[in-house]
Amino acid sequence: MATQKENFLGRCFTLRSAYGSFRKVSFGPEDLKKLNDFAASNKGWCSILIKDKKNAGPEQSDFYCEMDTFKAGDYKPTDKKLPF
């Protein structure tokens, strides 16, 4: 599994206009390679998490993107006595 730092993707911007604000994410060649490499070992799929930043300055974006590295086969419940 990739380390936390390697999971961050793209450049994120919040753009404001007379018609409201919208979010823009730009992916570069390295970001696309990360996504493609993960998708190759995950049945062709890769998910991206869009998360709000806790502390963003006035000139910074208020969100960021992270690659979701969860794979269903990786999950193992710790408590075998489930209530259902």
PDB file of N, CA and C in Angstrom:
ATOM      1  N   MET A   1       0.839  -1.181   0.000  1.00  0.00           N
ATOM      2  CA  MET A   1       0.000   0.000   0.000  1.00  0.00           C
ATOM      3  C   MET A   1       0.883   1.242   0.000  1.00  0.00           C
ATOM      4  N   ALA A   2       0.459   2.270  -0.672  1.00  0.00           N
ATOM      5  CA  ALA A   2       1.242   3.495  -0.786  1.00  0.00           C
ATOM      6  C   ALA A   2       1.239   4.259   0.532  1.00  0.00           C
ATOM      7  N   THR A   3       2.279   5.031   0.728  1.00  0.00           N
ATOM      8  CA  THR A   3       2.322   5.862   1.928  1.00  0.00           C
ATOM      9  C   THR A   3       1.377   7.036   1.767  1.00  0.00           C
ATOM     10  N   GLN A   4       1.055   7.682   2.867  1.00  0.00           N
ATOM     11  CA  GLN A   4       0.085   8.773   2.851  1.00  0.00           C
ATOM     12  C   GLN A   4       0.497   9.892   1.902  1.00  0.00           C
ATOM     13  N   LYS A   5       1.770  10.274   1.897  1.00  0.00           N
ATOM     14  CA  LYS A   5       2.212  11.391   1.066  1.00  0.00           C
ATOM     15  C   LYS A   5       2.021  11.093  -0.420  1.00  0.00           C
ATOM     16  N   GLU A   6       2.186   9.839  -0.809  1.00  0.00           N
ATOM     17  CA  GLU A   6       2.057   9.460  -2.209  1.00  0.00           C
ATOM     18  C   GLU A   6       0.612   9.463  -2.692  1.00  0.00           C
ATOM     19  N   ASN A   7      -0.354   9.548  -1.780  1.00  0.00           N
ATOM     20  CA  ASN A   7      -1.764   9.483  -2.154  1.00  0.00           C
ATOM     21  C   ASN A   7      -2.338  10.810  -2.622  1.00  0.00           C
ATOM     22  N   PHE A   8      -1.660  11.923  -2.358  1.00  0.00           N
ATOM     23  CA  PHE A   8      -2.186  13.221  -2.751  1.00  0.00           C
ATOM     24  C   PHE A   8      -2.077  13.391  -4.261  1.00  0.00           C
ATOM     25  N   LEU A   9      -3.106  13.996  -4.856  1.00  0.00           N
ATOM     26  CA  LEU A   9      -3.170  14.138  -6.299  1.00  0.00           C
ATOM     27  C   LEU A   9      -3.508  15.562  -6.709  1.00  0.00           C
ATOM     28  N   GLY A  10      -2.977  15.962  -7.849  1.00  0.00           N
ATOM     29  CA  GLY A  10      -3.416  17.158  -8.552  1.00  0.00           C
ATOM     30  C   GLY A  10      -3.168  18.482  -7.853  1.00  0.00           C
ATOM     31  N   ARG A  11      -3.577  19.496  -8.567  1.00  0.00           N
ATOM     32  CA  ARG A  11      -3.581  20.867  -8.037  1.00  0.00           C
ATOM     33  C   ARG A  11      -5.035  21.278  -7.923  1.00  0.00           C
ATOM     34  N   CYS A  12      -5.405  21.757  -6.764  1.00  0.00           N
ATOM     35  CA  CYS A  12      -6.801  22.065  -6.479  1.00  0.00           C
ATOM     36  C   CYS A  12      -7.001  23.563  -6.316  1.00  0.00           C
ATOM     37  N   PHE A  13      -8.063  24.053  -6.915  1.00  0.00           N
ATOM     38  CA  PHE A  13      -8.385  25.479  -6.859  1.00  0.00           C
ATOM     39  C   PHE A  13      -9.876  25.656  -6.621  1.00  0.00           C
ATOM     40  N   THR A  14     -10.224  26.660  -5.854  1.00  0.00           N
ATOM     41  CA  THR A  14     -11.610  27.092  -5.741  1.00  0.00           C
ATOM     42  C   THR A  14     -11.706  28.422  -6.471  1.00  0.00           C
ATOM     43  N   LEU A  15     -12.480  28.445  -7.532  1.00  0.00           N
ATOM     44  CA  LEU A  15     -12.624  29.645  -8.353  1.00  0.00           C
ATOM     45  C   LEU A  15     -13.965  30.299  -8.058  1.00  0.00           C
ATOM     46  N   ARG A  16     -13.942  31.603  -7.922  1.00  0.00           N
ATOM     47  CA  ARG A  16     -15.176  32.344  -7.642  1.00  0.00           C
ATOM     48  C   ARG A  16     -15.473  33.269  -8.811  1.00  0.00           C
ATOM     49  N   SER A  17     -16.729  33.303  -9.187  1.00  0.00           N
ATOM     50  CA  SER A  17     -17.138  34.159 -10.292  1.00  0.00           C
ATOM     51  C   SER A  17     -18.442  34.859  -9.913  1.00  0.00           C
ATOM     52  N   ALA A  18     -18.944  35.650 -10.817  1.00  0.00           N
ATOM     53  CA  ALA A  18     -20.207  36.340 -10.578  1.00  0.00           C
ATOM     54  C   ALA A  18     -21.368  35.349 -10.475  1.00  0.00           C
ATOM     55  N   TYR A  19     -21.152  34.132 -10.951  1.00  0.00           N
ATOM     56  CA  TYR A  19     -22.206  33.114 -10.964  1.00  0.00           C
ATOM     57  C   TYR A  19     -22.021  32.074  -9.866  1.00  0.00           C
ATOM     58  N   GLY A  20     -21.128  32.313  -8.935  1.00  0.00           N
ATOM     59  CA  GLY A  20     -20.885  31.388  -7.846  1.00  0.00           C
ATOM     60  C   GLY A  20     -19.461  30.855  -7.873  1.00  0.00           C
ATOM     61  N   SER A  21     -19.185  29.906  -7.017  1.00  0.00           N
ATOM     62  CA  SER A  21     -17.853  29.327  -6.972  1.00  0.00           C
ATOM     63  C   SER A  21     -17.901  27.890  -7.472  1.00  0.00           C
ATOM     64  N   PHE A  22     -16.778  27.435  -7.961  1.00  0.00           N
ATOM     65  CA  PHE A  22     -16.651  26.049  -8.385  1.00  0.00           C
ATOM     66  C   PHE A  22     -15.236  25.584  -8.121  1.00  0.00           C
ATOM     67  N   ARG A  23     -15.078  24.271  -8.098  1.00  0.00           N
ATOM     68  CA  ARG A  23     -13.785  23.666  -7.775  1.00  0.00           C
ATOM     69  C   ARG A  23     -13.144  23.128  -9.046  1.00  0.00           C
ATOM     70  N   LYS A  24     -11.843  23.335  -9.141  1.00  0.00           N
ATOM     71  CA  LYS A  24     -11.092  22.873 -10.304  1.00  0.00           C
ATOM     72  C   LYS A  24      -9.931  22.022  -9.817  1.00  0.00           C
ATOM     73  N   VAL A  25      -9.759  20.844 -10.438  1.00  0.00           N
ATOM     74  CA  VAL A  25      -8.641  19.956 -10.118  1.00  0.00           C
ATOM     75  C   VAL A  25      -7.899  19.679 -11.415  1.00  0.00           C
ATOM     76  N   SER A  26      -6.596  19.892 -11.410  1.00  0.00           N
ATOM     77  CA  SER A  26      -5.748  19.632 -12.574  1.00  0.00           C
ATOM     78  C   SER A  26      -4.807  18.491 -12.244  1.00  0.00           C
ATOM     79  N   PHE A  27      -4.760  17.480 -13.125  1.00  0.00           N
ATOM     80  CA  PHE A  27      -3.871  16.338 -12.939  1.00  0.00           C
ATOM     81  C   PHE A  27      -2.723  16.412 -13.921  1.00  0.00           C
ATOM     82  N   GLY A  28      -1.515  16.151 -13.432  1.00  0.00           N
ATOM     83  CA  GLY A  28      -0.317  16.118 -14.264  1.00  0.00           C
ATOM     84  C   GLY A  28       0.055  14.681 -14.607  1.00  0.00           C
ATOM     85  N   PRO A  29       1.121  14.511 -15.377  1.00  0.00           N
ATOM     86  CA  PRO A  29       1.540  13.172 -15.803  1.00  0.00           C
ATOM     87  C   PRO A  29       1.829  12.221 -14.634  1.00  0.00           C
ATOM     88  N   GLU A  30       2.437  12.698 -13.573  1.00  0.00           N
ATOM     89  CA  GLU A  30       2.737  11.837 -12.426  1.00  0.00           C
ATOM     90  C   GLU A  30       1.457  11.395 -11.716  1.00  0.00           C
ATOM     91  N   ASP A  31       0.478  12.302 -11.623  1.00  0.00           N
ATOM     92  CA  ASP A  31      -0.801  11.958 -11.004  1.00  0.00           C
ATOM     93  C   ASP A  31      -1.514  10.880 -11.822  1.00  0.00           C
ATOM     94  N   LEU A  32      -1.532  11.049 -13.116  1.00  0.00           N
ATOM     95  CA  LEU A  32      -2.193  10.082 -13.990  1.00  0.00           C
ATOM     96  C   LEU A  32      -1.497   8.723 -13.935  1.00  0.00           C
ATOM     97  N   LYS A  33      -0.181   8.730 -13.802  1.00  0.00           N
ATOM     98  CA  LYS A  33       0.560   7.472 -13.686  1.00  0.00           C
ATOM     99  C   LYS A  33       0.183   6.754 -12.390  1.00  0.00           C
ATOM    100  N   LYS A  34       0.086   7.492 -11.283  1.00  0.00           N
ATOM    101  CA  LYS A  34      -0.319   6.892 -10.009  1.00  0.00           C
ATOM    102  C   LYS A  34      -1.698   6.248 -10.129  1.00  0.00           C
ATOM    103  N   LEU A  35      -2.627   6.980 -10.727  1.00  0.00           N
ATOM    104  CA  LEU A  35      -3.985   6.467 -10.890  1.00  0.00           C
ATOM    105  C   LEU A  35      -4.000   5.223 -11.771  1.00  0.00           C
ATOM    106  N   ASN A  36      -3.271   5.270 -12.871  1.00  0.00           N
ATOM    107  CA  ASN A  36      -3.230   4.143 -13.796  1.00  0.00           C
ATOM    108  C   ASN A  36      -2.580   2.921 -13.162  1.00  0.00           C
ATOM    109  N   ASP A  37      -1.490   3.112 -12.432  1.00  0.00           N
ATOM    110  CA  ASP A  37      -0.816   1.997 -11.776  1.00  0.00           C
ATOM    111  C   ASP A  37      -1.717   1.334 -10.736  1.00  0.00           C
ATOM    112  N   PHE A  38      -2.439   2.138  -9.965  1.00  0.00           N
ATOM    113  CA  PHE A  38      -3.344   1.572  -8.968  1.00  0.00           C
ATOM    114  C   PHE A  38      -4.504   0.851  -9.651  1.00  0.00           C
ATOM    115  N   ALA A  39      -5.057   1.450 -10.687  1.00  0.00           N
ATOM    116  CA  ALA A  39      -6.190   0.848 -11.397  1.00  0.00           C
ATOM    117  C   ALA A  39      -5.806  -0.485 -12.038  1.00  0.00           C
ATOM    118  N   ALA A  40      -4.571  -0.603 -12.489  1.00  0.00           N
ATOM    119  CA  ALA A  40      -4.121  -1.837 -13.135  1.00  0.00           C
ATOM    120  C   ALA A  40      -4.210  -3.029 -12.186  1.00  0.00           C
ATOM    121  N   SER A  41      -4.041  -2.802 -10.898  1.00  0.00           N
ATOM    122  CA  SER A  41      -4.107  -3.896  -9.931  1.00  0.00           C
ATOM    123  C   SER A  41      -5.433  -3.915  -9.168  1.00  0.00           C
ATOM    124  N   ASN A  42      -6.416  -3.135  -9.627  1.00  0.00           N
ATOM    125  CA  ASN A  42      -7.701  -3.036  -8.924  1.00  0.00           C
ATOM    126  C   ASN A  42      -8.867  -3.131  -9.905  1.00  0.00           C
ATOM    127  N   LYS A  43      -8.802  -4.085 -10.791  1.00  0.00           N
ATOM    128  CA  LYS A  43      -9.861  -4.348 -11.778  1.00  0.00           C
ATOM    129  C   LYS A  43     -10.156  -3.146 -12.666  1.00  0.00           C
ATOM    130  N   GLY A  44      -9.150  -2.296 -12.901  1.00  0.00           N
ATOM    131  CA  GLY A  44      -9.309  -1.162 -13.801  1.00  0.00           C
ATOM    132  C   GLY A  44      -9.912   0.083 -13.184  1.00  0.00           C
ATOM    133  N   TRP A  45     -10.137   0.074 -11.882  1.00  0.00           N
ATOM    134  CA  TRP A  45     -10.793   1.200 -11.224  1.00  0.00           C
ATOM    135  C   TRP A  45      -9.878   1.872 -10.211  1.00  0.00           C
ATOM    136  N   CYS A  46     -10.075   3.178 -10.056  1.00  0.00           N
ATOM    137  CA  CYS A  46      -9.396   3.953  -9.030  1.00  0.00           C
ATOM    138  C   CYS A  46     -10.338   5.067  -8.590  1.00  0.00           C
ATOM    139  N   SER A  47     -10.494   5.234  -7.304  1.00  0.00           N
ATOM    140  CA  SER A  47     -11.380   6.270  -6.776  1.00  0.00           C
ATOM    141  C   SER A  47     -10.553   7.423  -6.224  1.00  0.00           C
ATOM    142  N   ILE A  48     -11.134   8.608  -6.299  1.00  0.00           N
ATOM    143  CA  ILE A  48     -10.495   9.810  -5.782  1.00  0.00           C
ATOM    144  C   ILE A  48     -11.378  10.373  -4.678  1.00  0.00           C
ATOM    145  N   LEU A  49     -10.774  10.671  -3.540  1.00  0.00           N
ATOM    146  CA  LEU A  49     -11.477  11.303  -2.434  1.00  0.00           C
ATOM    147  C   LEU A  49     -11.242  12.805  -2.504  1.00  0.00           C
ATOM    148  N   ILE A  50     -12.302  13.579  -2.409  1.00  0.00           N
ATOM    149  CA  ILE A  50     -12.191  15.037  -2.362  1.00  0.00           C
ATOM    150  C   ILE A  50     -12.532  15.443  -0.935  1.00  0.00           C
ATOM    151  N   LYS A  51     -11.533  16.004  -0.253  1.00  0.00           N
ATOM    152  CA  LYS A  51     -11.674  16.304   1.167  1.00  0.00           C
ATOM    153  C   LYS A  51     -11.523  17.794   1.433  1.00  0.00           C
ATOM    154  N   ASP A  52     -12.264  18.276   2.422  1.00  0.00           N
ATOM    155  CA  ASP A  52     -12.142  19.670   2.843  1.00  0.00           C
ATOM    156  C   ASP A  52     -10.929  19.822   3.745  1.00  0.00           C
ATOM    157  N   LYS A  53     -10.196  20.919   3.565  1.00  0.00           N
ATOM    158  CA  LYS A  53      -9.068  21.222   4.444  1.00  0.00           C
ATOM    159  C   LYS A  53      -9.601  21.785   5.753  1.00  0.00           C
ATOM    160  N   LYS A  54      -8.909  21.472   6.829  1.00  0.00           N
ATOM    161  CA  LYS A  54      -9.305  22.004   8.129  1.00  0.00           C
ATOM    162  C   LYS A  54      -8.887  23.458   8.279  1.00  0.00           C
ATOM    163  N   ASN A  55      -7.671  23.777   7.846  1.00  0.00           N
ATOM    164  CA  ASN A  55      -7.152  25.134   7.964  1.00  0.00           C
ATOM    165  C   ASN A  55      -6.636  25.580   6.608  1.00  0.00           C
ATOM    166  N   ALA A  56      -7.349  26.463   5.960  1.00  0.00           N
ATOM    167  CA  ALA A  56      -6.918  26.994   4.669  1.00  0.00           C
ATOM    168  C   ALA A  56      -6.801  28.507   4.777  1.00  0.00           C
ATOM    169  N   GLY A  57      -5.695  29.030   4.284  1.00  0.00           N
ATOM    170  CA  GLY A  57      -5.494  30.475   4.284  1.00  0.00           C
ATOM    171  C   GLY A  57      -6.363  31.146   3.227  1.00  0.00           C
ATOM    172  N   PRO A  58      -6.403  32.461   3.231  1.00  0.00           N
ATOM    173  CA  PRO A  58      -7.268  33.183   2.294  1.00  0.00           C
ATOM    174  C   PRO A  58      -6.898  32.980   0.823  1.00  0.00           C
ATOM    175  N   GLU A  59      -5.646  32.717   0.536  1.00  0.00           N
ATOM    176  CA  GLU A  59      -5.222  32.523  -0.855  1.00  0.00           C
ATOM    177  C   GLU A  59      -5.030  31.051  -1.203  1.00  0.00           C
ATOM    178  N   GLN A  60      -5.437  30.148  -0.302  1.00  0.00           N
ATOM    179  CA  GLN A  60      -5.287  28.718  -0.526  1.00  0.00           C
ATOM    180  C   GLN A  60      -6.628  28.084  -0.867  1.00  0.00           C
ATOM    181  N   SER A  61      -6.542  26.953  -1.541  1.00  0.00           N
ATOM    182  CA  SER A  61      -7.749  26.187  -1.822  1.00  0.00           C
ATOM    183  C   SER A  61      -8.287  25.609  -0.523  1.00  0.00           C
ATOM    184  N   ASP A  62      -9.606  25.430  -0.439  1.00  0.00           N
ATOM    185  CA  ASP A  62     -10.211  24.897   0.773  1.00  0.00           C
ATOM    186  C   ASP A  62     -10.470  23.392   0.692  1.00  0.00           C
ATOM    187  N   PHE A  63      -9.861  22.712  -0.306  1.00  0.00           N
ATOM    188  CA  PHE A  63     -10.028  21.272  -0.446  1.00  0.00           C
ATOM    189  C   PHE A  63      -8.781  20.664  -1.079  1.00  0.00           C
ATOM    190  N   TYR A  64      -8.702  19.331  -1.044  1.00  0.00           N
ATOM    191  CA  TYR A  64      -7.596  18.627  -1.685  1.00  0.00           C
ATOM    192  C   TYR A  64      -8.101  17.274  -2.181  1.00  0.00           C
ATOM    193  N   CYS A  65      -7.341  16.631  -3.052  1.00  0.00           N
ATOM    194  CA  CYS A  65      -7.697  15.328  -3.597  1.00  0.00           C
ATOM    195  C   CYS A  65      -6.701  14.282  -3.127  1.00  0.00           C
ATOM    196  N   GLU A  66      -7.224  13.110  -2.866  1.00  0.00           N
ATOM    197  CA  GLU A  66      -6.397  12.007  -2.408  1.00  0.00           C
ATOM    198  C   GLU A  66      -6.887  10.725  -3.079  1.00  0.00           C
ATOM    199  N   MET A  67      -5.963   9.864  -3.463  1.00  0.00           N
ATOM    200  CA  MET A  67      -6.328   8.598  -4.067  1.00  0.00           C
ATOM    201  C   MET A  67      -6.809   7.653  -2.969  1.00  0.00           C
ATOM    202  N   ASP A  68      -7.954   7.020  -3.187  1.00  0.00           N
ATOM    203  CA  ASP A  68      -8.505   6.057  -2.245  1.00  0.00           C
ATOM    204  C   ASP A  68      -7.855   4.704  -2.513  1.00  0.00           C
ATOM    205  N   THR A  69      -7.050   4.224  -1.587  1.00  0.00           N
ATOM    206  CA  THR A  69      -6.309   2.990  -1.796  1.00  0.00           C
ATOM    207  C   THR A  69      -6.999   1.778  -1.166  1.00  0.00           C
ATOM    208  N   PHE A  70      -8.261   1.911  -0.774  1.00  0.00           N
ATOM    209  CA  PHE A  70      -8.996   0.806  -0.182  1.00  0.00           C
ATOM    210  C   PHE A  70      -9.250  -0.273  -1.230  1.00  0.00           C
ATOM    211  N   LYS A  71      -8.982  -1.524  -0.842  1.00  0.00           N
ATOM    212  CA  LYS A  71      -9.322  -2.677  -1.674  1.00  0.00           C
ATOM    213  C   LYS A  71     -10.160  -3.611  -0.813  1.00  0.00           C
ATOM    214  N   ALA A  72     -11.247  -4.117  -1.369  1.00  0.00           N
ATOM    215  CA  ALA A  72     -12.167  -4.949  -0.598  1.00  0.00           C
ATOM    216  C   ALA A  72     -11.457  -6.153   0.013  1.00  0.00           C
ATOM    217  N   GLY A  73     -10.492  -6.733  -0.653  1.00  0.00           N
ATOM    218  CA  GLY A  73      -9.764  -7.885  -0.140  1.00  0.00           C
ATOM    219  C   GLY A  73      -8.869  -7.551   1.041  1.00  0.00           C
ATOM    220  N   ASP A  74      -8.560  -6.265   1.242  1.00  0.00           N
ATOM    221  CA  ASP A  74      -7.692  -5.846   2.348  1.00  0.00           C
ATOM    222  C   ASP A  74      -8.428  -5.773   3.679  1.00  0.00           C
ATOM    223  N   TYR A  75      -9.755  -5.724   3.652  1.00  0.00           N
ATOM    224  CA  TYR A  75     -10.538  -5.538   4.868  1.00  0.00           C
ATOM    225  C   TYR A  75     -10.701  -6.864   5.595  1.00  0.00           C
ATOM    226  N   LYS A  76     -10.312  -6.885   6.861  1.00  0.00           N
ATOM    227  CA  LYS A  76     -10.497  -8.056   7.705  1.00  0.00           C
ATOM    228  C   LYS A  76     -11.091  -7.578   9.025  1.00  0.00           C
ATOM    229  N   PRO A  77     -12.328  -7.980   9.322  1.00  0.00           N
ATOM    230  CA  PRO A  77     -12.939  -7.528  10.574  1.00  0.00           C
ATOM    231  C   PRO A  77     -12.136  -8.011  11.783  1.00  0.00           C
ATOM    232  N   THR A  78     -12.028  -7.169  12.787  1.00  0.00           N
ATOM    233  CA  THR A  78     -11.267  -7.516  13.979  1.00  0.00           C
ATOM    234  C   THR A  78     -12.133  -8.235  15.006  1.00  0.00           C
ATOM    235  N   ASP A  79     -13.422  -7.963  15.007  1.00  0.00           N
ATOM    236  CA  ASP A  79     -14.333  -8.590  15.963  1.00  0.00           C
ATOM    237  C   ASP A  79     -15.203  -9.604  15.229  1.00  0.00           C
ATOM    238  N   LYS A  80     -15.009 -10.875  15.537  1.00  0.00           N
ATOM    239  CA  LYS A  80     -15.774 -11.918  14.850  1.00  0.00           C
ATOM    240  C   LYS A  80     -17.159 -12.095  15.465  1.00  0.00           C
ATOM    241  N   LYS A  81     -17.427 -11.451  16.595  1.00  0.00           N
ATOM    242  CA  LYS A  81     -18.747 -11.547  17.231  1.00  0.00           C
ATOM    243  C   LYS A  81     -19.563 -10.312  16.859  1.00  0.00           C
ATOM    244  N   LEU A  82     -20.038 -10.291  15.657  1.00  0.00           N
ATOM    245  CA  LEU A  82     -20.839  -9.155  15.199  1.00  0.00           C
ATOM    246  C   LEU A  82     -22.289  -9.333  15.645  1.00  0.00           C
ATOM    247  N   PRO A  83     -23.011  -8.242  15.898  1.00  0.00           N
ATOM    248  CA  PRO A  83     -24.367  -8.330  16.413  1.00  0.00           C
ATOM    249  C   PRO A  83     -25.392  -8.788  15.377  1.00  0.00           C
ATOM    250  N   PHE A  84     -25.016  -9.034  14.160  1.00  0.00           N
ATOM    251  CA  PHE A  84     -25.988  -9.458  13.148  1.00  0.00           C
ATOM    252  C   PHE A  84     -25.557 -10.698  12.441  1.00  0.00           C
TER     253      PHE A  84
END
